[in-house]
Amino acid sequence: MPKFHLFPTGPEPVAPFSHAVETDDGWVILTGQMPTVAGRPDDPLPDGIENQTRQVMENLSLILGELGLGLEHVVQCRCFLTEFERDYKAFNDTYQTFFPADRRPARTTVGVTALAVGALVEIDCIAKRPA
């Protein structure tokens, strides 16, 4: 049976979901993270795509950390941008700082019309526990 994780230290969910779901064979699927700050859900979002991307990556790292994992265990990311053409380069410039050049996860990036809480970016991911 899968394990459903909701961590009190994680960002407050903006919808009815778990922070992560883990299968018996070590696959961990993280819900898309927003650029909100854990414990401060009413704070304004960070300004600009770079700051929002950093916050989203920090939120992913926080959830992974609660599971005893890190970004080095991520095998795939899906990224959603509300201003794709405007923000794609700056998003990539920031995103790539979180992964070594020889260990970047598979990735899909999609332009969308809107995201929850008025965010510019949302990222979900899949990680794999070491055997």
C-alpha atoms as a PDB file:
ATOM      1  CA  MET A   1       0.000   0.000   0.000  1.00  0.00           C
ATOM      2  CA  PRO A   2       1.259   3.495  -0.698  1.00  0.00           C
ATOM      3  CA  LYS A   3       2.166   5.784   2.187  1.00  0.00           C
ATOM      4  CA  PHE A   4       0.602   9.244   2.174  1.00  0.00           C
ATOM      5  CA  HIS A   5       2.754  11.943   3.782  1.00  0.00           C
ATOM      6  CA  LEU A   6       1.606  15.334   5.059  1.00  0.00           C
ATOM      7  CA  PHE A   7       4.255  17.108   7.123  1.00  0.00           C
ATOM      8  CA  PRO A   8       3.463  19.829   9.675  1.00  0.00           C
ATOM      9  CA  THR A   9       6.793  21.483   8.755  1.00  0.00           C
ATOM     10  CA  GLY A  10       5.879  21.637   5.052  1.00  0.00           C
ATOM     11  CA  PRO A  11       4.159  24.441   3.212  1.00  0.00           C
ATOM     12  CA  GLU A  12       0.453  24.613   3.990  1.00  0.00           C
ATOM     13  CA  PRO A  13      -1.441  22.815   1.205  1.00  0.00           C
ATOM     14  CA  VAL A  14      -3.455  25.120  -1.057  1.00  0.00           C
ATOM     15  CA  ALA A  15      -5.777  22.235  -2.003  1.00  0.00           C
ATOM     16  CA  PRO A  16      -6.721  18.778  -0.637  1.00  0.00           C
ATOM     17  CA  PHE A  17      -3.520  16.750  -1.204  1.00  0.00           C
ATOM     18  CA  SER A  18      -0.602  15.027   0.504  1.00  0.00           C
ATOM     19  CA  HIS A  19       2.882  16.515   0.287  1.00  0.00           C
ATOM     20  CA  ALA A  20       4.131  13.189  -1.041  1.00  0.00           C
ATOM     21  CA  VAL A  21       3.049   9.632  -1.747  1.00  0.00           C
ATOM     22  CA  GLU A  22       5.511   6.762  -1.501  1.00  0.00           C
ATOM     23  CA  THR A  23       5.223   3.278  -2.971  1.00  0.00           C
ATOM     24  CA  ASP A  24       6.555   0.089  -1.377  1.00  0.00           C
ATOM     25  CA  ASP A  25       9.317  -0.144  -3.989  1.00  0.00           C
ATOM     26  CA  GLY A  26      10.798   3.274  -3.131  1.00  0.00           C
ATOM     27  CA  TRP A  27       9.209   5.640  -5.638  1.00  0.00           C
ATOM     28  CA  VAL A  28       8.273   8.986  -4.089  1.00  0.00           C
ATOM     29  CA  ILE A  29       5.936  11.393  -5.889  1.00  0.00           C
ATOM     30  CA  LEU A  30       5.892  14.961  -4.589  1.00  0.00           C
ATOM     31  CA  THR A  31       2.918  17.226  -5.095  1.00  0.00           C
ATOM     32  CA  GLY A  32       3.599  20.407  -7.038  1.00  0.00           C
ATOM     33  CA  GLN A  33       5.078  23.015  -4.760  1.00  0.00           C
ATOM     34  CA  MET A  34       4.191  26.680  -4.804  1.00  0.00           C
ATOM     35  CA  PRO A  35       6.471  29.602  -3.864  1.00  0.00           C
ATOM     36  CA  THR A  36       4.867  29.934  -0.429  1.00  0.00           C
ATOM     37  CA  VAL A  37       6.889  29.843   2.771  1.00  0.00           C
ATOM     38  CA  ALA A  38       6.278  26.995   5.225  1.00  0.00           C
ATOM     39  CA  GLY A  39       4.545  28.279   8.333  1.00  0.00           C
ATOM     40  CA  ARG A  40       3.710  31.610   6.705  1.00  0.00           C
ATOM     41  CA  PRO A  41       0.956  30.858   4.156  1.00  0.00           C
ATOM     42  CA  ASP A  42      -0.383  34.419   4.149  1.00  0.00           C
ATOM     43  CA  ASP A  43       2.936  36.107   3.333  1.00  0.00           C
ATOM     44  CA  PRO A  44       3.130  37.692  -0.112  1.00  0.00           C
ATOM     45  CA  LEU A  45       4.825  35.556  -2.739  1.00  0.00           C
ATOM     46  CA  PRO A  46       8.439  36.388  -3.547  1.00  0.00           C
ATOM     47  CA  ASP A  47       8.908  38.881  -6.378  1.00  0.00           C
ATOM     48  CA  GLY A  48       9.930  37.585  -9.798  1.00  0.00           C
ATOM     49  CA  ILE A  49      10.490  34.201 -11.369  1.00  0.00           C
ATOM     50  CA  GLU A  50      13.991  33.743  -9.922  1.00  0.00           C
ATOM     51  CA  ASN A  51      12.873  34.226  -6.313  1.00  0.00           C
ATOM     52  CA  GLN A  52       9.742  32.145  -6.799  1.00  0.00           C
ATOM     53  CA  THR A  53      11.763  29.331  -8.405  1.00  0.00           C
ATOM     54  CA  ARG A  54      14.217  29.340  -5.502  1.00  0.00           C
ATOM     55  CA  GLN A  55      11.345  29.136  -2.992  1.00  0.00           C
ATOM     56  CA  VAL A  56       9.687  26.279  -4.879  1.00  0.00           C
ATOM     57  CA  MET A  57      12.972  24.354  -4.981  1.00  0.00           C
ATOM     58  CA  GLU A  58      13.481  24.996  -1.260  1.00  0.00           C
ATOM     59  CA  ASN A  59       9.983  23.648  -0.619  1.00  0.00           C
ATOM     60  CA  LEU A  60      10.711  20.524  -2.660  1.00  0.00           C
ATOM     61  CA  SER A  61      13.965  20.102  -0.710  1.00  0.00           C
ATOM     62  CA  LEU A  62      12.100  20.500   2.579  1.00  0.00           C
ATOM     63  CA  ILE A  63       9.597  17.759   1.717  1.00  0.00           C
ATOM     64  CA  LEU A  64      12.343  15.475   0.410  1.00  0.00           C
ATOM     65  CA  GLY A  65      14.307  16.109   3.601  1.00  0.00           C
ATOM     66  CA  GLU A  66      11.334  15.042   5.723  1.00  0.00           C
ATOM     67  CA  LEU A  67      11.528  11.734   3.848  1.00  0.00           C
ATOM     68  CA  GLY A  68      15.281  11.369   4.357  1.00  0.00           C
ATOM     69  CA  LEU A  69      15.940  12.232   0.704  1.00  0.00           C
ATOM     70  CA  GLY A  70      17.406  15.137  -1.227  1.00  0.00           C
ATOM     71  CA  LEU A  71      17.369  16.637  -4.688  1.00  0.00           C
ATOM     72  CA  GLU A  72      20.023  14.094  -5.696  1.00  0.00           C
ATOM     73  CA  HIS A  73      17.268  11.439  -5.547  1.00  0.00           C
ATOM     74  CA  VAL A  74      14.990  13.285  -7.990  1.00  0.00           C
ATOM     75  CA  VAL A  75      14.649  11.536 -11.354  1.00  0.00           C
ATOM     76  CA  GLN A  76      11.961  13.679 -12.996  1.00  0.00           C
ATOM     77  CA  CYS A  77      10.432  17.157 -12.638  1.00  0.00           C
ATOM     78  CA  ARG A  78       7.402  18.761 -14.209  1.00  0.00           C
ATOM     79  CA  CYS A  79       7.508  22.539 -14.231  1.00  0.00           C
ATOM     80  CA  PHE A  80       4.655  24.924 -14.922  1.00  0.00           C
ATOM     81  CA  LEU A  81       5.152  28.591 -15.836  1.00  0.00           C
ATOM     82  CA  THR A  82       2.411  31.199 -16.228  1.00  0.00           C
ATOM     83  CA  GLU A  83       4.627  33.519 -18.305  1.00  0.00           C
ATOM     84  CA  PHE A  84       6.489  30.928 -20.340  1.00  0.00           C
ATOM     85  CA  GLU A  85       8.066  33.106 -23.019  1.00  0.00           C
ATOM     86  CA  ARG A  86       9.014  35.883 -20.608  1.00  0.00           C
ATOM     87  CA  ASP A  87      10.304  33.692 -17.775  1.00  0.00           C
ATOM     88  CA  TYR A  88      11.711  30.535 -19.387  1.00  0.00           C
ATOM     89  CA  LYS A  89      15.355  31.649 -19.554  1.00  0.00           C
ATOM     90  CA  ALA A  90      15.442  33.155 -16.057  1.00  0.00           C
ATOM     91  CA  PHE A  91      13.642  30.090 -14.705  1.00  0.00           C
ATOM     92  CA  ASN A  92      16.245  27.783 -16.289  1.00  0.00           C
ATOM     93  CA  ASP A  93      19.115  29.916 -15.008  1.00  0.00           C
ATOM     94  CA  THR A  94      17.812  29.551 -11.445  1.00  0.00           C
ATOM     95  CA  TYR A  95      16.584  25.943 -11.672  1.00  0.00           C
ATOM     96  CA  GLN A  96      19.914  24.609 -12.938  1.00  0.00           C
ATOM     97  CA  THR A  97      21.751  25.863  -9.838  1.00  0.00           C
ATOM     98  CA  PHE A  98      20.003  23.159  -7.794  1.00  0.00           C
ATOM     99  CA  PHE A  99      21.434  20.204  -9.750  1.00  0.00           C
ATOM    100  CA  PRO A 100      24.967  19.281 -10.848  1.00  0.00           C
ATOM    101  CA  ALA A 101      25.335  19.492 -14.642  1.00  0.00           C
ATOM    102  CA  ASP A 102      25.889  15.726 -14.881  1.00  0.00           C
ATOM    103  CA  ARG A 103      22.916  14.786 -12.617  1.00  0.00           C
ATOM    104  CA  ARG A 104      19.942  16.740 -13.895  1.00  0.00           C
ATOM    105  CA  PRO A 105      16.567  14.995 -13.704  1.00  0.00           C
ATOM    106  CA  ALA A 106      14.421  14.391 -16.754  1.00  0.00           C
ATOM    107  CA  ARG A 107      12.125  17.396 -17.098  1.00  0.00           C
ATOM    108  CA  THR A 108       9.074  18.778 -18.836  1.00  0.00           C
ATOM    109  CA  THR A 109       8.224  22.477 -18.697  1.00  0.00           C
ATOM    110  CA  VAL A 110       4.782  23.671 -19.707  1.00  0.00           C
ATOM    111  CA  GLY A 111       3.242  27.109 -20.095  1.00  0.00           C
ATOM    112  CA  VAL A 112      -0.098  27.439 -18.319  1.00  0.00           C
ATOM    113  CA  THR A 113      -2.705  30.177 -18.036  1.00  0.00           C
ATOM    114  CA  ALA A 114      -2.742  30.340 -14.236  1.00  0.00           C
ATOM    115  CA  LEU A 115      -1.530  28.652 -11.056  1.00  0.00           C
ATOM    116  CA  ALA A 116      -2.875  28.536  -7.501  1.00  0.00           C
ATOM    117  CA  VAL A 117      -2.157  31.520  -5.239  1.00  0.00           C
ATOM    118  CA  GLY A 118      -1.179  33.627  -8.272  1.00  0.00           C
ATOM    119  CA  ALA A 119       2.208  31.905  -8.550  1.00  0.00           C
ATOM    120  CA  LEU A 120       4.488  32.265 -11.567  1.00  0.00           C
ATOM    121  CA  VAL A 121       5.888  28.732 -11.153  1.00  0.00           C
ATOM    122  CA  GLU A 122       4.975  25.339  -9.749  1.00  0.00           C
ATOM    123  CA  ILE A 123       7.158  22.218  -9.793  1.00  0.00           C
ATOM    124  CA  ASP A 124       6.361  18.628  -8.907  1.00  0.00           C
ATOM    125  CA  CYS A 125       8.798  15.740  -8.984  1.00  0.00           C
ATOM    126  CA  ILE A 126       9.411  12.031  -8.696  1.00  0.00           C
ATOM    127  CA  ALA A 127      12.258  10.688  -6.595  1.00  0.00           C
ATOM    128  CA  LYS A 128      13.604   7.173  -6.018  1.00  0.00           C
ATOM    129  CA  ARG A 129      14.931   5.847  -2.745  1.00  0.00           C
ATOM    130  CA  PRO A 130      18.316   4.170  -2.997  1.00  0.00           C
ATOM    131  CA  ALA A 131      18.051   0.382  -2.933  1.00  0.00           C
END
